[in-house]
Amino acid sequence: MIIDAYKRLWPNRQAVQRITTDAELENSVRIELNDELTHPRLRKSVEEKLQLAYRRIEESELSEDEKTALIELYKKLAAH
């Protein structure tokens, strides 16, 4: 369920569409939170990326359960 929700959150990202396991999902979220795909001088902080993710999730058309599950995943991974 959460993998499908994440895929719907990022429909145009090919790497996201290939996710099939929870470990791959967590790795993708970590990469996003650490802004690893952005040039080092332009990277945002984890806190900024977390707020952007929250906003994207809340504004999405996902169900409330899916939104809650994704937000909890982001919180958990941002804390590490």
PDB file of N, CA and C in Angstrom:
ATOM      1  N   MET A   1       0.822  -1.203   0.000  1.00  0.00           N
ATOM      2  CA  MET A   1       0.000   0.000   0.000  1.00  0.00           C
ATOM      3  C   MET A   1       0.861   1.260   0.000  1.00  0.00           C
ATOM      4  N   ILE A   2       1.831   1.330   0.897  1.00  0.00           N
ATOM      5  CA  ILE A   2       2.636   2.546   1.006  1.00  0.00           C
ATOM      6  C   ILE A   2       3.532   2.735  -0.229  1.00  0.00           C
ATOM      7  N   ILE A   3       3.989   1.634  -0.811  1.00  0.00           N
ATOM      8  CA  ILE A   3       4.812   1.742  -2.018  1.00  0.00           C
ATOM      9  C   ILE A   3       3.975   2.308  -3.156  1.00  0.00           C
ATOM     10  N   ASP A   4       2.758   1.823  -3.307  1.00  0.00           N
ATOM     11  CA  ASP A   4       1.880   2.335  -4.358  1.00  0.00           C
ATOM     12  C   ASP A   4       1.554   3.810  -4.138  1.00  0.00           C
ATOM     13  N   ALA A   5       1.337   4.188  -2.891  1.00  0.00           N
ATOM     14  CA  ALA A   5       1.050   5.596  -2.576  1.00  0.00           C
ATOM     15  C   ALA A   5       2.250   6.469  -2.945  1.00  0.00           C
ATOM     16  N   TYR A   6       3.453   6.009  -2.611  1.00  0.00           N
ATOM     17  CA  TYR A   6       4.665   6.759  -2.928  1.00  0.00           C
ATOM     18  C   TYR A   6       4.826   6.897  -4.444  1.00  0.00           C
ATOM     19  N   LYS A   7       4.531   5.833  -5.169  1.00  0.00           N
ATOM     20  CA  LYS A   7       4.612   5.885  -6.638  1.00  0.00           C
ATOM     21  C   LYS A   7       3.615   6.899  -7.204  1.00  0.00           C
ATOM     22  N   ARG A   8       2.418   6.960  -6.612  1.00  0.00           N
ATOM     23  CA  ARG A   8       1.431   7.940  -7.082  1.00  0.00           C
ATOM     24  C   ARG A   8       1.830   9.367  -6.711  1.00  0.00           C
ATOM     25  N   LEU A   9       2.589   9.502  -5.626  1.00  0.00           N
ATOM     26  CA  LEU A   9       3.068  10.820  -5.210  1.00  0.00           C
ATOM     27  C   LEU A   9       4.109  11.351  -6.197  1.00  0.00           C
ATOM     28  N   TRP A  10       4.897  10.454  -6.776  1.00  0.00           N
ATOM     29  CA  TRP A  10       5.968  10.820  -7.715  1.00  0.00           C
ATOM     30  C   TRP A  10       5.789  10.075  -9.039  1.00  0.00           C
ATOM     31  N   PRO A  11       4.725  10.360  -9.796  1.00  0.00           N
ATOM     32  CA  PRO A  11       4.431   9.572 -11.009  1.00  0.00           C
ATOM     33  C   PRO A  11       5.451   9.736 -12.140  1.00  0.00           C
ATOM     34  N   ASN A  12       6.198  10.806 -12.171  1.00  0.00           N
ATOM     35  CA  ASN A  12       7.112  11.054 -13.283  1.00  0.00           C
ATOM     36  C   ASN A  12       8.556  10.693 -12.989  1.00  0.00           C
ATOM     37  N   ARG A  13       8.808  10.066 -11.860  1.00  0.00           N
ATOM     38  CA  ARG A  13      10.173   9.646 -11.520  1.00  0.00           C
ATOM     39  C   ARG A  13      10.335   8.167 -11.847  1.00  0.00           C
ATOM     40  N   GLN A  14      11.163   7.887 -12.849  1.00  0.00           N
ATOM     41  CA  GLN A  14      11.343   6.500 -13.279  1.00  0.00           C
ATOM     42  C   GLN A  14      11.890   5.612 -12.171  1.00  0.00           C
ATOM     43  N   ALA A  15      12.857   6.109 -11.407  1.00  0.00           N
ATOM     44  CA  ALA A  15      13.443   5.305 -10.332  1.00  0.00           C
ATOM     45  C   ALA A  15      12.387   4.936  -9.297  1.00  0.00           C
ATOM     46  N   VAL A  16      11.486   5.844  -9.016  1.00  0.00           N
ATOM     47  CA  VAL A  16      10.419   5.583  -8.037  1.00  0.00           C
ATOM     48  C   VAL A  16       9.484   4.499  -8.568  1.00  0.00           C
ATOM     49  N   GLN A  17       9.209   4.522  -9.839  1.00  0.00           N
ATOM     50  CA  GLN A  17       8.277   3.546 -10.407  1.00  0.00           C
ATOM     51  C   GLN A  17       8.834   2.124 -10.379  1.00  0.00           C
ATOM     52  N   ARG A  18      10.143   1.969 -10.202  1.00  0.00           N
ATOM     53  CA  ARG A  18      10.766   0.636 -10.148  1.00  0.00           C
ATOM     54  C   ARG A  18      10.848   0.075  -8.723  1.00  0.00           C
ATOM     55  N   ILE A  19      10.405   0.831  -7.725  1.00  0.00           N
ATOM     56  CA  ILE A  19      10.470   0.376  -6.330  1.00  0.00           C
ATOM     57  C   ILE A  19       9.504  -0.787  -6.122  1.00  0.00           C
ATOM     58  N   THR A  20      10.032  -1.860  -5.493  1.00  0.00           N
ATOM     59  CA  THR A  20       9.185  -3.027  -5.222  1.00  0.00           C
ATOM     60  C   THR A  20       9.255  -3.497  -3.772  1.00  0.00           C
ATOM     61  N   THR A  21      10.234  -3.020  -3.009  1.00  0.00           N
ATOM     62  CA  THR A  21      10.375  -3.475  -1.616  1.00  0.00           C
ATOM     63  C   THR A  21      10.386  -2.290  -0.662  1.00  0.00           C
ATOM     64  N   ASP A  22      10.139  -2.581   0.611  1.00  0.00           N
ATOM     65  CA  ASP A  22      10.175  -1.532   1.633  1.00  0.00           C
ATOM     66  C   ASP A  22      11.576  -0.941   1.755  1.00  0.00           C
ATOM     67  N   ALA A  23      12.607  -1.775   1.602  1.00  0.00           N
ATOM     68  CA  ALA A  23      13.987  -1.285   1.686  1.00  0.00           C
ATOM     69  C   ALA A  23      14.278  -0.291   0.564  1.00  0.00           C
ATOM     70  N   GLU A  24      13.805  -0.577  -0.635  1.00  0.00           N
ATOM     71  CA  GLU A  24      13.992   0.343  -1.762  1.00  0.00           C
ATOM     72  C   GLU A  24      13.231   1.645  -1.518  1.00  0.00           C
ATOM     73  N   LEU A  25      12.040   1.527  -0.950  1.00  0.00           N
ATOM     74  CA  LEU A  25      11.241   2.711  -0.629  1.00  0.00           C
ATOM     75  C   LEU A  25      11.981   3.591   0.380  1.00  0.00           C
ATOM     76  N   GLU A  26      12.476   2.984   1.455  1.00  0.00           N
ATOM     77  CA  GLU A  26      13.189   3.748   2.474  1.00  0.00           C
ATOM     78  C   GLU A  26      14.446   4.391   1.901  1.00  0.00           C
ATOM     79  N   ASN A  27      15.150   3.686   1.045  1.00  0.00           N
ATOM     80  CA  ASN A  27      16.342   4.249   0.413  1.00  0.00           C
ATOM     81  C   ASN A  27      15.977   5.457  -0.448  1.00  0.00           C
ATOM     82  N   SER A  28      14.900   5.363  -1.197  1.00  0.00           N
ATOM     83  CA  SER A  28      14.460   6.464  -2.048  1.00  0.00           C
ATOM     84  C   SER A  28      14.090   7.695  -1.210  1.00  0.00           C
ATOM     85  N   VAL A  29      13.400   7.478  -0.099  1.00  0.00           N
ATOM     86  CA  VAL A  29      13.019   8.591   0.781  1.00  0.00           C
ATOM     87  C   VAL A  29      14.272   9.219   1.404  1.00  0.00           C
ATOM     88  N   ARG A  30      15.239   8.383   1.814  1.00  0.00           N
ATOM     89  CA  ARG A  30      16.495   8.920   2.372  1.00  0.00           C
ATOM     90  C   ARG A  30      17.222   9.794   1.353  1.00  0.00           C
ATOM     91  N   ILE A  31      17.296   9.313   0.117  1.00  0.00           N
ATOM     92  CA  ILE A  31      17.946  10.084  -0.951  1.00  0.00           C
ATOM     93  C   ILE A  31      17.242  11.417  -1.120  1.00  0.00           C
ATOM     94  N   GLU A  32      15.915  11.377  -1.113  1.00  0.00           N
ATOM     95  CA  GLU A  32      15.129  12.611  -1.252  1.00  0.00           C
ATOM     96  C   GLU A  32      15.377  13.564  -0.081  1.00  0.00           C
ATOM     97  N   LEU A  33      15.332  13.043   1.138  1.00  0.00           N
ATOM     98  CA  LEU A  33      15.518  13.897   2.319  1.00  0.00           C
ATOM     99  C   LEU A  33      16.920  14.500   2.376  1.00  0.00           C
ATOM    100  N   ASN A  34      17.906  13.755   1.918  1.00  0.00           N
ATOM    101  CA  ASN A  34      19.285  14.262   1.922  1.00  0.00           C
ATOM    102  C   ASN A  34      19.608  15.069   0.677  1.00  0.00           C
ATOM    103  N   ASP A  35      18.628  15.184  -0.214  1.00  0.00           N
ATOM    104  CA  ASP A  35      18.770  15.981  -1.441  1.00  0.00           C
ATOM    105  C   ASP A  35      19.998  15.536  -2.246  1.00  0.00           C
ATOM    106  N   GLU A  36      20.233  14.228  -2.275  1.00  0.00           N
ATOM    107  CA  GLU A  36      21.436  13.681  -2.894  1.00  0.00           C
ATOM    108  C   GLU A  36      21.496  13.854  -4.405  1.00  0.00           C
ATOM    109  N   LEU A  37      20.378  14.098  -5.038  1.00  0.00           N
ATOM    110  CA  LEU A  37      20.377  14.241  -6.489  1.00  0.00           C
ATOM    111  C   LEU A  37      20.570  15.683  -6.936  1.00  0.00           C
ATOM    112  N   THR A  38      20.832  16.549  -5.981  1.00  0.00           N
ATOM    113  CA  THR A  38      21.066  17.964  -6.248  1.00  0.00           C
ATOM    114  C   THR A  38      22.540  18.275  -6.023  1.00  0.00           C
ATOM    115  N   HIS A  39      23.066  19.216  -6.784  1.00  0.00           N
ATOM    116  CA  HIS A  39      24.465  19.617  -6.611  1.00  0.00           C
ATOM    117  C   HIS A  39      24.683  20.053  -5.160  1.00  0.00           C
ATOM    118  N   PRO A  40      25.811  19.663  -4.550  1.00  0.00           N
ATOM    119  CA  PRO A  40      26.050  19.964  -3.128  1.00  0.00           C
ATOM    120  C   PRO A  40      25.851  21.422  -2.721  1.00  0.00           C
ATOM    121  N   ARG A  41      26.211  22.353  -3.562  1.00  0.00           N
ATOM    122  CA  ARG A  41      26.044  23.763  -3.180  1.00  0.00           C
ATOM    123  C   ARG A  41      24.596  24.220  -3.193  1.00  0.00           C
ATOM    124  N   LEU A  42      23.743  23.462  -3.834  1.00  0.00           N
ATOM    125  CA  LEU A  42      22.339  23.860  -3.946  1.00  0.00           C
ATOM    126  C   LEU A  42      21.409  23.044  -3.054  1.00  0.00           C
ATOM    127  N   ARG A  43      21.955  22.095  -2.330  1.00  0.00           N
ATOM    128  CA  ARG A  43      21.128  21.208  -1.507  1.00  0.00           C
ATOM    129  C   ARG A  43      20.408  21.957  -0.390  1.00  0.00           C
ATOM    130  N   LYS A  44      19.190  21.492  -0.136  1.00  0.00           N
ATOM    131  CA  LYS A  44      18.401  22.018   0.975  1.00  0.00           C
ATOM    132  C   LYS A  44      18.655  21.140   2.199  1.00  0.00           C
ATOM    133  N   SER A  45      18.367  21.671   3.359  1.00  0.00           N
ATOM    134  CA  SER A  45      18.533  20.898   4.589  1.00  0.00           C
ATOM    135  C   SER A  45      17.459  19.812   4.669  1.00  0.00           C
ATOM    136  N   VAL A  46      17.700  18.836   5.531  1.00  0.00           N
ATOM    137  CA  VAL A  46      16.721  17.765   5.734  1.00  0.00           C
ATOM    138  C   VAL A  46      15.397  18.359   6.206  1.00  0.00           C
ATOM    139  N   GLU A  47      15.469  19.372   7.075  1.00  0.00           N
ATOM    140  CA  GLU A  47      14.243  19.999   7.576  1.00  0.00           C
ATOM    141  C   GLU A  47      13.441  20.638   6.447  1.00  0.00           C
ATOM    142  N   GLU A  48      14.138  21.330   5.539  1.00  0.00           N
ATOM    143  CA  GLU A  48      13.440  21.940   4.405  1.00  0.00           C
ATOM    144  C   GLU A  48      12.818  20.875   3.510  1.00  0.00           C
ATOM    145  N   LYS A  49      13.578  19.820   3.232  1.00  0.00           N
ATOM    146  CA  LYS A  49      13.070  18.749   2.376  1.00  0.00           C
ATOM    147  C   LYS A  49      11.884  18.048   3.036  1.00  0.00           C
ATOM    148  N   LEU A  50      11.926  17.904   4.350  1.00  0.00           N
ATOM    149  CA  LEU A  50      10.831  17.281   5.079  1.00  0.00           C
ATOM    150  C   LEU A  50       9.568  18.130   4.968  1.00  0.00           C
ATOM    151  N   GLN A  51       9.700  19.425   5.124  1.00  0.00           N
ATOM    152  CA  GLN A  51       8.543  20.316   5.004  1.00  0.00           C
ATOM    153  C   GLN A  51       7.968  20.287   3.589  1.00  0.00           C
ATOM    154  N   LEU A  52       8.841  20.255   2.579  1.00  0.00           N
ATOM    155  CA  LEU A  52       8.375  20.165   1.190  1.00  0.00           C
ATOM    156  C   LEU A  52       7.634  18.851   0.954  1.00  0.00           C
ATOM    157  N   ALA A  53       8.149  17.773   1.531  1.00  0.00           N
ATOM    158  CA  ALA A  53       7.497  16.474   1.383  1.00  0.00           C
ATOM    159  C   ALA A  53       6.126  16.481   2.062  1.00  0.00           C
ATOM    160  N   TYR A  54       6.061  17.030   3.268  1.00  0.00           N
ATOM    161  CA  TYR A  54       4.773  17.120   3.974  1.00  0.00           C
ATOM    162  C   TYR A  54       3.758  17.877   3.126  1.00  0.00           C
ATOM    163  N   ARG A  55       4.173  18.988   2.575  1.00  0.00           N
ATOM    164  CA  ARG A  55       3.265  19.810   1.764  1.00  0.00           C
ATOM    165  C   ARG A  55       2.787  19.014   0.544  1.00  0.00           C
ATOM    166  N   ARG A  56       3.719  18.340  -0.126  1.00  0.00           N
ATOM    167  CA  ARG A  56       3.353  17.563  -1.311  1.00  0.00           C
ATOM    168  C   ARG A  56       2.372  16.452  -0.935  1.00  0.00           C
ATOM    169  N   ILE A  57       2.628  15.778   0.177  1.00  0.00           N
ATOM    170  CA  ILE A  57       1.742  14.697   0.611  1.00  0.00           C
ATOM    171  C   ILE A  57       0.361  15.245   0.947  1.00  0.00           C
ATOM    172  N   GLU A  58       0.318  16.307   1.728  1.00  0.00           N
ATOM    173  CA  GLU A  58      -0.972  16.879   2.141  1.00  0.00           C
ATOM    174  C   GLU A  58      -1.784  17.386   0.950  1.00  0.00           C
ATOM    175  N   GLU A  59      -1.127  17.895  -0.068  1.00  0.00           N
ATOM    176  CA  GLU A  59      -1.833  18.437  -1.236  1.00  0.00           C
ATOM    177  C   GLU A  59      -2.176  17.368  -2.267  1.00  0.00           C
ATOM    178  N   SER A  60      -1.715  16.147  -2.043  1.00  0.00           N
ATOM    179  CA  SER A  60      -1.964  15.070  -2.998  1.00  0.00           C
ATOM    180  C   SER A  60      -3.391  14.552  -2.863  1.00  0.00           C
ATOM    181  N   GLU A  61      -3.760  13.684  -3.782  1.00  0.00           N
ATOM    182  CA  GLU A  61      -5.090  13.081  -3.757  1.00  0.00           C
ATOM    183  C   GLU A  61      -5.067  11.687  -3.121  1.00  0.00           C
ATOM    184  N   LEU A  62      -4.030  11.403  -2.348  1.00  0.00           N
ATOM    185  CA  LEU A  62      -3.945  10.128  -1.644  1.00  0.00           C
ATOM    186  C   LEU A  62      -4.998  10.074  -0.549  1.00  0.00           C
ATOM    187  N   SER A  63      -5.330   8.863  -0.110  1.00  0.00           N
ATOM    188  CA  SER A  63      -6.280   8.720   0.997  1.00  0.00           C
ATOM    189  C   SER A  63      -5.619   9.221   2.286  1.00  0.00           C
ATOM    190  N   GLU A  64      -6.422   9.493   3.281  1.00  0.00           N
ATOM    191  CA  GLU A  64      -5.886   9.971   4.561  1.00  0.00           C
ATOM    192  C   GLU A  64      -4.968   8.933   5.200  1.00  0.00           C
ATOM    193  N   ASP A  65      -5.304   7.659   5.071  1.00  0.00           N
ATOM    194  CA  ASP A  65      -4.449   6.595   5.613  1.00  0.00           C
ATOM    195  C   ASP A  65      -3.097   6.567   4.908  1.00  0.00           C
ATOM    196  N   GLU A  66      -3.112   6.729   3.591  1.00  0.00           N
ATOM    197  CA  GLU A  66      -1.865   6.743   2.827  1.00  0.00           C
ATOM    198  C   GLU A  66      -1.021   7.958   3.201  1.00  0.00           C
ATOM    199  N   LYS A  67      -1.658   9.104   3.336  1.00  0.00           N
ATOM    200  CA  LYS A  67      -0.939  10.321   3.735  1.00  0.00           C
ATOM    201  C   LYS A  67      -0.282  10.132   5.095  1.00  0.00           C
ATOM    202  N   THR A  68      -1.031   9.590   6.036  1.00  0.00           N
ATOM    203  CA  THR A  68      -0.510   9.365   7.385  1.00  0.00           C
ATOM    204  C   THR A  68       0.674   8.402   7.350  1.00  0.00           C
ATOM    205  N   ALA A  69       0.547   7.318   6.606  1.00  0.00           N
ATOM    206  CA  ALA A  69       1.624   6.324   6.517  1.00  0.00           C
ATOM    207  C   ALA A  69       2.882   6.932   5.909  1.00  0.00           C
ATOM    208  N   LEU A  70       2.732   7.723   4.863  1.00  0.00           N
ATOM    209  CA  LEU A  70       3.897   8.353   4.229  1.00  0.00           C
ATOM    210  C   LEU A  70       4.543   9.383   5.149  1.00  0.00           C
ATOM    211  N   ILE A  71       3.735  10.178   5.817  1.00  0.00           N
ATOM    212  CA  ILE A  71       4.279  11.183   6.739  1.00  0.00           C
ATOM    213  C   ILE A  71       5.045  10.498   7.864  1.00  0.00           C
ATOM    214  N   GLU A  72       4.511   9.415   8.401  1.00  0.00           N
ATOM    215  CA  GLU A  72       5.205   8.679   9.461  1.00  0.00           C
ATOM    216  C   GLU A  72       6.524   8.106   8.957  1.00  0.00           C
ATOM    217  N   LEU A  73       6.545   7.616   7.725  1.00  0.00           N
ATOM    218  CA  LEU A  73       7.783   7.096   7.147  1.00  0.00           C
ATOM    219  C   LEU A  73       8.820   8.209   7.014  1.00  0.00           C
ATOM    220  N   TYR A  74       8.411   9.349   6.498  1.00  0.00           N
ATOM    221  CA  TYR A  74       9.327  10.480   6.355  1.00  0.00           C
ATOM    222  C   TYR A  74       9.853  10.915   7.713  1.00  0.00           C
ATOM    223  N   LYS A  75       8.977  11.010   8.718  1.00  0.00           N
ATOM    224  CA  LYS A  75       9.401  11.415  10.074  1.00  0.00           C
ATOM    225  C   LYS A  75      10.450  10.448  10.618  1.00  0.00           C
ATOM    226  N   LYS A  76      10.159   9.150  10.491  1.00  0.00           N
ATOM    227  CA  LYS A  76      11.059   8.116  10.994  1.00  0.00           C
ATOM    228  C   LYS A  76      12.436   8.225  10.341  1.00  0.00           C
ATOM    229  N   LEU A  77      12.470   8.383   9.027  1.00  0.00           N
ATOM    230  CA  LEU A  77      13.735   8.410   8.308  1.00  0.00           C
ATOM    231  C   LEU A  77      14.477   9.729   8.520  1.00  0.00           C
ATOM    232  N   ALA A  78      13.752  10.815   8.704  1.00  0.00           N
ATOM    233  CA  ALA A  78      14.403  12.118   8.955  1.00  0.00           C
ATOM    234  C   ALA A  78      15.050  12.142  10.321  1.00  0.00           C
ATOM    235  N   ALA A  79      14.523  11.374  11.253  1.00  0.00           N
ATOM    236  CA  ALA A  79      15.062  11.360  12.609  1.00  0.00           C
ATOM    237  C   ALA A  79      16.397  10.600  12.696  1.00  0.00           C
ATOM    238  N   HIS A  80      16.713   9.812  11.684  1.00  0.00           N
ATOM    239  CA  HIS A  80      17.961   9.035  11.717  1.00  0.00           C
ATOM    240  C   HIS A  80      19.075   9.765  11.039  1.00  0.00           C
TER     241      HIS A  80
END
